[in-house]
Amino acid sequence: MCGGRLREDFDRENLQLSKDLDRMTERVESIAVDLTWMAYDMVVLRTVPQLTKSLKRLEDEYLLCKSVISGSAEKDNLDALSKIVDQKSTQD
């Protein structure tokens, strides 16, 4: 009887360890995929300088829209931001 119970406990523990190992493997795989995408993004940003400029312009436009929508932009500030964005777009 004692041997059978030990065997069941061993099997149960072995199954739990197997599940834990599967979860850890999935997490590591997910981290590896994230790191691969991060490395890819860095290579693209460093080899295509226009992309960096485009992302900055997109961020400026987003901030401009956000200030207009939230109503936090005053007329003078809005005009100044709009001119800056227009200047940047003509430079590109």
PDB file of N, CA and C in Angstrom:
ATOM      1  N   MET A   1       0.811  -1.200   0.000  1.00  0.00           N
ATOM      2  CA  MET A   1       0.000   0.000   0.000  1.00  0.00           C
ATOM      3  C   MET A   1       0.851   1.258   0.000  1.00  0.00           C
ATOM      4  N   CYS A   2       1.859   1.234   0.813  1.00  0.00           N
ATOM      5  CA  CYS A   2       2.708   2.409   0.945  1.00  0.00           C
ATOM      6  C   CYS A   2       3.433   2.705  -0.367  1.00  0.00           C
ATOM      7  N   GLY A   3       3.860   1.641  -1.056  1.00  0.00           N
ATOM      8  CA  GLY A   3       4.552   1.817  -2.333  1.00  0.00           C
ATOM      9  C   GLY A   3       3.642   2.407  -3.397  1.00  0.00           C
ATOM     10  N   GLY A   4       2.370   1.990  -3.409  1.00  0.00           N
ATOM     11  CA  GLY A   4       1.410   2.511  -4.382  1.00  0.00           C
ATOM     12  C   GLY A   4       1.129   3.985  -4.163  1.00  0.00           C
ATOM     13  N   ARG A   5       1.049   4.366  -2.906  1.00  0.00           N
ATOM     14  CA  ARG A   5       0.791   5.775  -2.581  1.00  0.00           C
ATOM     15  C   ARG A   5       1.990   6.650  -2.963  1.00  0.00           C
ATOM     16  N   LEU A   6       3.183   6.138  -2.703  1.00  0.00           N
ATOM     17  CA  LEU A   6       4.385   6.881  -3.085  1.00  0.00           C
ATOM     18  C   LEU A   6       4.452   7.057  -4.597  1.00  0.00           C
ATOM     19  N   ARG A   7       4.064   6.022  -5.308  1.00  0.00           N
ATOM     20  CA  ARG A   7       4.065   6.078  -6.772  1.00  0.00           C
ATOM     21  C   ARG A   7       3.072   7.130  -7.265  1.00  0.00           C
ATOM     22  N   GLU A   8       1.871   7.181  -6.675  1.00  0.00           N
ATOM     23  CA  GLU A   8       0.869   8.185  -7.051  1.00  0.00           C
ATOM     24  C   GLU A   8       1.383   9.590  -6.765  1.00  0.00           C
ATOM     25  N   ASP A   9       1.991   9.773  -5.587  1.00  0.00           N
ATOM     26  CA  ASP A   9       2.542  11.085  -5.240  1.00  0.00           C
ATOM     27  C   ASP A   9       3.635  11.496  -6.226  1.00  0.00           C
ATOM     28  N   PHE A  10       4.474  10.532  -6.574  1.00  0.00           N
ATOM     29  CA  PHE A  10       5.550  10.806  -7.526  1.00  0.00           C
ATOM     30  C   PHE A  10       4.977  11.188  -8.885  1.00  0.00           C
ATOM     31  N   ASP A  11       3.974  10.452  -9.340  1.00  0.00           N
ATOM     32  CA  ASP A  11       3.346  10.742 -10.632  1.00  0.00           C
ATOM     33  C   ASP A  11       2.685  12.120 -10.630  1.00  0.00           C
ATOM     34  N   ARG A  12       1.995  12.447  -9.530  1.00  0.00           N
ATOM     35  CA  ARG A  12       1.328  13.741  -9.410  1.00  0.00           C
ATOM     36  C   ARG A  12       2.364  14.878  -9.428  1.00  0.00           C
ATOM     37  N   GLU A  13       3.431  14.695  -8.685  1.00  0.00           N
ATOM     38  CA  GLU A  13       4.480  15.713  -8.629  1.00  0.00           C
ATOM     39  C   GLU A  13       5.177  15.848  -9.982  1.00  0.00           C
ATOM     40  N   ASN A  14       5.397  14.730 -10.632  1.00  0.00           N
ATOM     41  CA  ASN A  14       6.029  14.737 -11.946  1.00  0.00           C
ATOM     42  C   ASN A  14       5.150  15.465 -12.963  1.00  0.00           C
ATOM     43  N   LEU A  15       3.843  15.240 -12.907  1.00  0.00           N
ATOM     44  CA  LEU A  15       2.908  15.915 -13.801  1.00  0.00           C
ATOM     45  C   LEU A  15       2.922  17.423 -13.556  1.00  0.00           C
ATOM     46  N   GLN A  16       2.930  17.822 -12.282  1.00  0.00           N
ATOM     47  CA  GLN A  16       2.957  19.247 -11.945  1.00  0.00           C
ATOM     48  C   GLN A  16       4.253  19.897 -12.437  1.00  0.00           C
ATOM     49  N   LEU A  17       5.367  19.214 -12.253  1.00  0.00           N
ATOM     50  CA  LEU A  17       6.648  19.741 -12.730  1.00  0.00           C
ATOM     51  C   LEU A  17       6.650  19.883 -14.245  1.00  0.00           C
ATOM     52  N   SER A  18       6.042  18.933 -14.919  1.00  0.00           N
ATOM     53  CA  SER A  18       5.951  18.987 -16.375  1.00  0.00           C
ATOM     54  C   SER A  18       5.122  20.192 -16.823  1.00  0.00           C
ATOM     55  N   LYS A  19       4.008  20.439 -16.143  1.00  0.00           N
ATOM     56  CA  LYS A  19       3.169  21.602 -16.466  1.00  0.00           C
ATOM     57  C   LYS A  19       3.929  22.899 -16.215  1.00  0.00           C
ATOM     58  N   ASP A  20       4.644  22.960 -15.083  1.00  0.00           N
ATOM     59  CA  ASP A  20       5.432  24.155 -14.771  1.00  0.00           C
ATOM     60  C   ASP A  20       6.506  24.391 -15.829  1.00  0.00           C
ATOM     61  N   LEU A  21       7.158  23.332 -16.256  1.00  0.00           N
ATOM     62  CA  LEU A  21       8.187  23.444 -17.281  1.00  0.00           C
ATOM     63  C   LEU A  21       7.594  23.929 -18.599  1.00  0.00           C
ATOM     64  N   ASP A  22       6.420  23.424 -18.965  1.00  0.00           N
ATOM     65  CA  ASP A  22       5.744  23.883 -20.184  1.00  0.00           C
ATOM     66  C   ASP A  22       5.431  25.375 -20.107  1.00  0.00           C
ATOM     67  N   ARG A  23       4.918  25.834 -18.961  1.00  0.00           N
ATOM     68  CA  ARG A  23       4.603  27.256 -18.792  1.00  0.00           C
ATOM     69  C   ARG A  23       5.862  28.111 -18.901  1.00  0.00           C
ATOM     70  N   MET A  24       6.938  27.672 -18.257  1.00  0.00           N
ATOM     71  CA  MET A  24       8.186  28.435 -18.315  1.00  0.00           C
ATOM     72  C   MET A  24       8.739  28.473 -19.736  1.00  0.00           C
ATOM     73  N   THR A  25       8.627  27.361 -20.452  1.00  0.00           N
ATOM     74  CA  THR A  25       9.097  27.314 -21.837  1.00  0.00           C
ATOM     75  C   THR A  25       8.298  28.283 -22.704  1.00  0.00           C
ATOM     76  N   GLU A  26       6.988  28.329 -22.526  1.00  0.00           N
ATOM     77  CA  GLU A  26       6.155  29.259 -23.286  1.00  0.00           C
ATOM     78  C   GLU A  26       6.522  30.703 -22.980  1.00  0.00           C
ATOM     79  N   ARG A  27       6.776  31.007 -21.716  1.00  0.00           N
ATOM     80  CA  ARG A  27       7.172  32.369 -21.344  1.00  0.00           C
ATOM     81  C   ARG A  27       8.494  32.756 -21.990  1.00  0.00           C
ATOM     82  N   VAL A  28       9.458  31.854 -21.949  1.00  0.00           N
ATOM     83  CA  VAL A  28      10.765  32.131 -22.547  1.00  0.00           C
ATOM     84  C   VAL A  28      10.626  32.315 -24.056  1.00  0.00           C
ATOM     85  N   GLU A  29       9.803  31.504 -24.698  1.00  0.00           N
ATOM     86  CA  GLU A  29       9.568  31.660 -26.134  1.00  0.00           C
ATOM     87  C   GLU A  29       8.940  33.013 -26.432  1.00  0.00           C
ATOM     88  N   SER A  30       7.999  33.428 -25.612  1.00  0.00           N
ATOM     89  CA  SER A  30       7.357  34.731 -25.791  1.00  0.00           C
ATOM     90  C   SER A  30       8.370  35.861 -25.623  1.00  0.00           C
ATOM     91  N   ILE A  31       9.217  35.753 -24.629  1.00  0.00           N
ATOM     92  CA  ILE A  31      10.255  36.765 -24.415  1.00  0.00           C
ATOM     93  C   ILE A  31      11.211  36.796 -25.605  1.00  0.00           C
ATOM     94  N   ALA A  32      11.567  35.627 -26.125  1.00  0.00           N
ATOM     95  CA  ALA A  32      12.465  35.561 -27.275  1.00  0.00           C
ATOM     96  C   ALA A  32      11.849  36.244 -28.495  1.00  0.00           C
ATOM     97  N   VAL A  33      10.554  36.039 -28.706  1.00  0.00           N
ATOM     98  CA  VAL A  33       9.869  36.693 -29.828  1.00  0.00           C
ATOM     99  C   VAL A  33       9.878  38.208 -29.630  1.00  0.00           C
ATOM    100  N   ASP A  34       9.570  38.667 -28.418  1.00  0.00           N
ATOM    101  CA  ASP A  34       9.586  40.104 -28.136  1.00  0.00           C
ATOM    102  C   ASP A  34      10.971  40.696 -28.371  1.00  0.00           C
ATOM    103  N   LEU A  35      12.007  40.012 -27.915  1.00  0.00           N
ATOM    104  CA  LEU A  35      13.372  40.498 -28.117  1.00  0.00           C
ATOM    105  C   LEU A  35      13.739  40.540 -29.593  1.00  0.00           C
ATOM    106  N   THR A  36      13.286  39.562 -30.342  1.00  0.00           N
ATOM    107  CA  THR A  36      13.557  39.549 -31.780  1.00  0.00           C
ATOM    108  C   THR A  36      12.916  40.749 -32.460  1.00  0.00           C
ATOM    109  N   TRP A  37      11.661  41.053 -32.104  1.00  0.00           N
ATOM    110  CA  TRP A  37      10.990  42.213 -32.695  1.00  0.00           C
ATOM    111  C   TRP A  37      11.671  43.512 -32.280  1.00  0.00           C
ATOM    112  N   MET A  38      12.112  43.589 -31.020  1.00  0.00           N
ATOM    113  CA  MET A  38      12.814  44.791 -30.565  1.00  0.00           C
ATOM    114  C   MET A  38      14.107  44.989 -31.357  1.00  0.00           C
ATOM    115  N   ALA A  39      14.857  43.919 -31.555  1.00  0.00           N
ATOM    116  CA  ALA A  39      16.101  44.006 -32.325  1.00  0.00           C
ATOM    117  C   ALA A  39      15.805  44.412 -33.765  1.00  0.00           C
ATOM    118  N   TYR A  40      14.773  43.838 -34.351  1.00  0.00           N
ATOM    119  CA  TYR A  40      14.386  44.189 -35.717  1.00  0.00           C
ATOM    120  C   TYR A  40      14.039  45.670 -35.811  1.00  0.00           C
ATOM    121  N   ASP A  41      13.236  46.156 -34.858  1.00  0.00           N
ATOM    122  CA  ASP A  41      12.853  47.566 -34.856  1.00  0.00           C
ATOM    123  C   ASP A  41      14.074  48.469 -34.749  1.00  0.00           C
ATOM    124  N   MET A  42      15.033  48.102 -33.911  1.00  0.00           N
ATOM    125  CA  MET A  42      16.240  48.916 -33.764  1.00  0.00           C
ATOM    126  C   MET A  42      17.038  48.951 -35.062  1.00  0.00           C
ATOM    127  N   VAL A  43      17.158  47.821 -35.725  1.00  0.00           N
ATOM    128  CA  VAL A  43      17.901  47.776 -36.986  1.00  0.00           C
ATOM    129  C   VAL A  43      17.209  48.638 -38.026  1.00  0.00           C
ATOM    130  N   VAL A  44      15.903  48.536 -38.119  1.00  0.00           N
ATOM    131  CA  VAL A  44      15.153  49.326 -39.100  1.00  0.00           C
ATOM    132  C   VAL A  44      15.309  50.811 -38.811  1.00  0.00           C
ATOM    133  N   LEU A  45      15.181  51.210 -37.549  1.00  0.00           N
ATOM    134  CA  LEU A  45      15.296  52.626 -37.204  1.00  0.00           C
ATOM    135  C   LEU A  45      16.693  53.160 -37.494  1.00  0.00           C
ATOM    136  N   ARG A  46      17.711  52.348 -37.311  1.00  0.00           N
ATOM    137  CA  ARG A  46      19.080  52.812 -37.543  1.00  0.00           C
ATOM    138  C   ARG A  46      19.443  52.830 -39.021  1.00  0.00           C
ATOM    139  N   THR A  47      18.834  51.991 -39.815  1.00  0.00           N
ATOM    140  CA  THR A  47      19.192  51.933 -41.230  1.00  0.00           C
ATOM    141  C   THR A  47      18.280  52.790 -42.108  1.00  0.00           C
ATOM    142  N   VAL A  48      17.145  53.210 -41.586  1.00  0.00           N
ATOM    143  CA  VAL A  48      16.220  54.047 -42.355  1.00  0.00           C
ATOM    144  C   VAL A  48      15.954  55.327 -41.559  1.00  0.00           C
ATOM    145  N   PRO A  49      16.816  56.356 -41.726  1.00  0.00           N
ATOM    146  CA  PRO A  49      16.651  57.577 -40.928  1.00  0.00           C
ATOM    147  C   PRO A  49      15.326  58.298 -41.193  1.00  0.00           C
ATOM    148  N   GLN A  50      14.764  58.138 -42.392  1.00  0.00           N
ATOM    149  CA  GLN A  50      13.492  58.789 -42.693  1.00  0.00           C
ATOM    150  C   GLN A  50      12.391  58.263 -41.783  1.00  0.00           C
ATOM    151  N   LEU A  51      12.509  57.025 -41.368  1.00  0.00           N
ATOM    152  CA  LEU A  51      11.499  56.449 -40.490  1.00  0.00           C
ATOM    153  C   LEU A  51      11.479  57.168 -39.151  1.00  0.00           C
ATOM    154  N   THR A  52      12.662  57.503 -38.638  1.00  0.00           N
ATOM    155  CA  THR A  52      12.740  58.229 -37.373  1.00  0.00           C
ATOM    156  C   THR A  52      12.068  59.587 -37.509  1.00  0.00           C
ATOM    157  N   LYS A  53      12.334  60.275 -38.619  1.00  0.00           N
ATOM    158  CA  LYS A  53      11.705  61.579 -38.857  1.00  0.00           C
ATOM    159  C   LYS A  53      10.189  61.430 -38.968  1.00  0.00           C
ATOM    160  N   SER A  54       9.757  60.405 -39.664  1.00  0.00           N
ATOM    161  CA  SER A  54       8.319  60.176 -39.827  1.00  0.00           C
ATOM    162  C   SER A  54       7.644  59.889 -38.493  1.00  0.00           C
ATOM    163  N   LEU A  55       8.300  59.093 -37.654  1.00  0.00           N
ATOM    164  CA  LEU A  55       7.730  58.796 -36.338  1.00  0.00           C
ATOM    165  C   LEU A  55       7.651  60.049 -35.479  1.00  0.00           C
ATOM    166  N   LYS A  56       8.664  60.910 -35.563  1.00  0.00           N
ATOM    167  CA  LYS A  56       8.649  62.161 -34.802  1.00  0.00           C
ATOM    168  C   LYS A  56       7.521  63.062 -35.303  1.00  0.00           C
ATOM    169  N   ARG A  57       7.360  63.138 -36.607  1.00  0.00           N
ATOM    170  CA  ARG A  57       6.280  63.958 -37.168  1.00  0.00           C
ATOM    171  C   ARG A  57       4.916  63.406 -36.748  1.00  0.00           C
ATOM    172  N   LEU A  58       4.783  62.093 -36.775  1.00  0.00           N
ATOM    173  CA  LEU A  58       3.543  61.458 -36.344  1.00  0.00           C
ATOM    174  C   LEU A  58       3.251  61.783 -34.884  1.00  0.00           C
ATOM    175  N   GLU A  59       4.289  61.750 -34.051  1.00  0.00           N
ATOM    176  CA  GLU A  59       4.109  62.085 -32.638  1.00  0.00           C
ATOM    177  C   GLU A  59       3.676  63.542 -32.479  1.00  0.00           C
ATOM    178  N   ASP A  60       4.304  64.455 -33.240  1.00  0.00           N
ATOM    179  CA  ASP A  60       3.925  65.869 -33.170  1.00  0.00           C
ATOM    180  C   ASP A  60       2.471  66.074 -33.585  1.00  0.00           C
ATOM    181  N   GLU A  61       2.086  65.428 -34.669  1.00  0.00           N
ATOM    182  CA  GLU A  61       0.698  65.536 -35.140  1.00  0.00           C
ATOM    183  C   GLU A  61      -0.278  64.984 -34.100  1.00  0.00           C
ATOM    184  N   TYR A  62       0.100  63.868 -33.487  1.00  0.00           N
ATOM    185  CA  TYR A  62      -0.745  63.269 -32.454  1.00  0.00           C
ATOM    186  C   TYR A  62      -0.926  64.231 -31.285  1.00  0.00           C
ATOM    187  N   LEU A  63       0.172  64.826 -30.828  1.00  0.00           N
ATOM    188  CA  LEU A  63       0.088  65.759 -29.701  1.00  0.00           C
ATOM    189  C   LEU A  63      -0.759  66.975 -30.060  1.00  0.00           C
ATOM    190  N   LEU A  64      -0.639  67.434 -31.300  1.00  0.00           N
ATOM    191  CA  LEU A  64      -1.453  68.555 -31.757  1.00  0.00           C
ATOM    192  C   LEU A  64      -2.938  68.183 -31.736  1.00  0.00           C
ATOM    193  N   CYS A  65      -3.269  67.037 -32.286  1.00  0.00           N
ATOM    194  CA  CYS A  65      -4.665  66.580 -32.292  1.00  0.00           C
ATOM    195  C   CYS A  65      -5.186  66.377 -30.874  1.00  0.00           C
ATOM    196  N   LYS A  66      -4.358  65.806 -30.034  1.00  0.00           N
ATOM    197  CA  LYS A  66      -4.759  65.555 -28.650  1.00  0.00           C
ATOM    198  C   LYS A  66      -5.065  66.862 -27.928  1.00  0.00           C
ATOM    199  N   SER A  67      -4.238  67.878 -28.149  1.00  0.00           N
ATOM    200  CA  SER A  67      -4.478  69.154 -27.480  1.00  0.00           C
ATOM    201  C   SER A  67      -5.741  69.826 -28.009  1.00  0.00           C
ATOM    202  N   VAL A  68      -6.015  69.662 -29.296  1.00  0.00           N
ATOM    203  CA  VAL A  68      -7.232  70.241 -29.870  1.00  0.00           C
ATOM    204  C   VAL A  68      -8.466  69.526 -29.323  1.00  0.00           C
ATOM    205  N   ILE A  69      -8.417  68.214 -29.292  1.00  0.00           N
ATOM    206  CA  ILE A  69      -9.566  67.437 -28.827  1.00  0.00           C
ATOM    207  C   ILE A  69      -9.846  67.676 -27.354  1.00  0.00           C
ATOM    208  N   SER A  70      -8.786  67.736 -26.554  1.00  0.00           N
ATOM    209  CA  SER A  70      -8.986  67.925 -25.115  1.00  0.00           C
ATOM    210  C   SER A  70      -9.334  69.371 -24.777  1.00  0.00           C
ATOM    211  N   GLY A  71      -9.154  70.268 -25.745  1.00  0.00           N
ATOM    212  CA  GLY A  71      -9.475  71.668 -25.508  1.00  0.00           C
ATOM    213  C   GLY A  71      -8.423  72.392 -24.699  1.00  0.00           C
ATOM    214  N   SER A  72      -7.269  71.755 -24.508  1.00  0.00           N
ATOM    215  CA  SER A  72      -6.225  72.389 -23.708  1.00  0.00           C
ATOM    216  C   SER A  72      -5.359  73.330 -24.533  1.00  0.00           C
ATOM    217  N   ALA A  73      -5.517  73.296 -25.836  1.00  0.00           N
ATOM    218  CA  ALA A  73      -4.703  74.162 -26.686  1.00  0.00           C
ATOM    219  C   ALA A  73      -5.357  75.535 -26.804  1.00  0.00           C
ATOM    220  N   GLU A  74      -4.565  76.551 -26.559  1.00  0.00           N
ATOM    221  CA  GLU A  74      -5.043  77.909 -26.789  1.00  0.00           C
ATOM    222  C   GLU A  74      -4.799  78.247 -28.252  1.00  0.00           C
ATOM    223  N   LYS A  75      -5.476  79.252 -28.737  1.00  0.00           N
ATOM    224  CA  LYS A  75      -5.385  79.615 -30.152  1.00  0.00           C
ATOM    225  C   LYS A  75      -3.954  79.920 -30.565  1.00  0.00           C
ATOM    226  N   ASP A  76      -3.221  80.701 -29.763  1.00  0.00           N
ATOM    227  CA  ASP A  76      -1.845  81.061 -30.117  1.00  0.00           C
ATOM    228  C   ASP A  76      -0.940  79.831 -30.149  1.00  0.00           C
ATOM    229  N   ASN A  77      -1.084  78.986 -29.135  1.00  0.00           N
ATOM    230  CA  ASN A  77      -0.268  77.773 -29.087  1.00  0.00           C
ATOM    231  C   ASN A  77      -0.594  76.845 -30.253  1.00  0.00           C
ATOM    232  N   LEU A  78      -1.857  76.767 -30.592  1.00  0.00           N
ATOM    233  CA  LEU A  78      -2.290  75.913 -31.687  1.00  0.00           C
ATOM    234  C   LEU A  78      -1.692  76.386 -33.007  1.00  0.00           C
ATOM    235  N   ASP A  79      -1.717  77.689 -33.239  1.00  0.00           N
ATOM    236  CA  ASP A  79      -1.133  78.237 -34.464  1.00  0.00           C
ATOM    237  C   ASP A  79       0.370  77.982 -34.525  1.00  0.00           C
ATOM    238  N   ALA A  80       1.048  78.159 -33.392  1.00  0.00           N
ATOM    239  CA  ALA A  80       2.497  77.936 -33.348  1.00  0.00           C
ATOM    240  C   ALA A  80       2.826  76.474 -33.631  1.00  0.00           C
ATOM    241  N   LEU A  81       2.083  75.566 -33.013  1.00  0.00           N
ATOM    242  CA  LEU A  81       2.318  74.142 -33.250  1.00  0.00           C
ATOM    243  C   LEU A  81       2.043  73.770 -34.703  1.00  0.00           C
ATOM    244  N   SER A  82       1.007  74.336 -35.247  1.00  0.00           N
ATOM    245  CA  SER A  82       0.650  74.050 -36.627  1.00  0.00           C
ATOM    246  C   SER A  82       1.748  74.516 -37.579  1.00  0.00           C
ATOM    247  N   LYS A  83       2.322  75.691 -37.312  1.00  0.00           N
ATOM    248  CA  LYS A  83       3.414  76.197 -38.152  1.00  0.00           C
ATOM    249  C   LYS A  83       4.637  75.294 -38.065  1.00  0.00           C
ATOM    250  N   ILE A  84       4.950  74.838 -36.866  1.00  0.00           N
ATOM    251  CA  ILE A  84       6.107  73.950 -36.686  1.00  0.00           C
ATOM    252  C   ILE A  84       5.914  72.656 -37.466  1.00  0.00           C
ATOM    253  N   VAL A  85       4.729  72.098 -37.366  1.00  0.00           N
ATOM    254  CA  VAL A  85       4.443  70.852 -38.078  1.00  0.00           C
ATOM    255  C   VAL A  85       4.513  71.075 -39.581  1.00  0.00           C
ATOM    256  N   ASP A  86       3.988  72.202 -40.065  1.00  0.00           N
ATOM    257  CA  ASP A  86       4.043  72.507 -41.492  1.00  0.00           C
ATOM    258  C   ASP A  86       5.480  72.671 -41.973  1.00  0.00           C
ATOM    259  N   GLN A  87       6.314  73.344 -41.167  1.00  0.00           N
ATOM    260  CA  GLN A  87       7.719  73.526 -41.532  1.00  0.00           C
ATOM    261  C   GLN A  87       8.431  72.185 -41.628  1.00  0.00           C
ATOM    262  N   LYS A  88       8.158  71.320 -40.674  1.00  0.00           N
ATOM    263  CA  LYS A  88       8.801  70.005 -40.688  1.00  0.00           C
ATOM    264  C   LYS A  88       8.362  69.194 -41.898  1.00  0.00           C
ATOM    265  N   SER A  89       7.108  69.328 -42.279  1.00  0.00           N
ATOM    266  CA  SER A  89       6.626  68.546 -43.417  1.00  0.00           C
ATOM    267  C   SER A  89       7.221  69.057 -44.728  1.00  0.00           C
ATOM    268  N   THR A  90       7.480  70.351 -44.831  1.00  0.00           N
ATOM    269  CA  THR A  90       8.093  70.876 -46.052  1.00  0.00           C
ATOM    270  C   THR A  90       9.572  70.526 -46.123  1.00  0.00           C
ATOM    271  N   GLN A  91      10.217  70.339 -44.970  1.00  0.00           N
ATOM    272  CA  GLN A  91      11.627  69.949 -44.951  1.00  0.00           C
ATOM    273  C   GLN A  91      11.803  68.516 -45.417  1.00  0.00           C
ATOM    274  N   ASP A  92      10.824  67.682 -45.147  1.00  0.00           N
ATOM    275  CA  ASP A  92      10.915  66.262 -45.529  1.00  0.00           C
ATOM    276  C   ASP A  92      10.627  66.135 -46.979  1.00  0.00           C
TER     277      ASP A  92
END
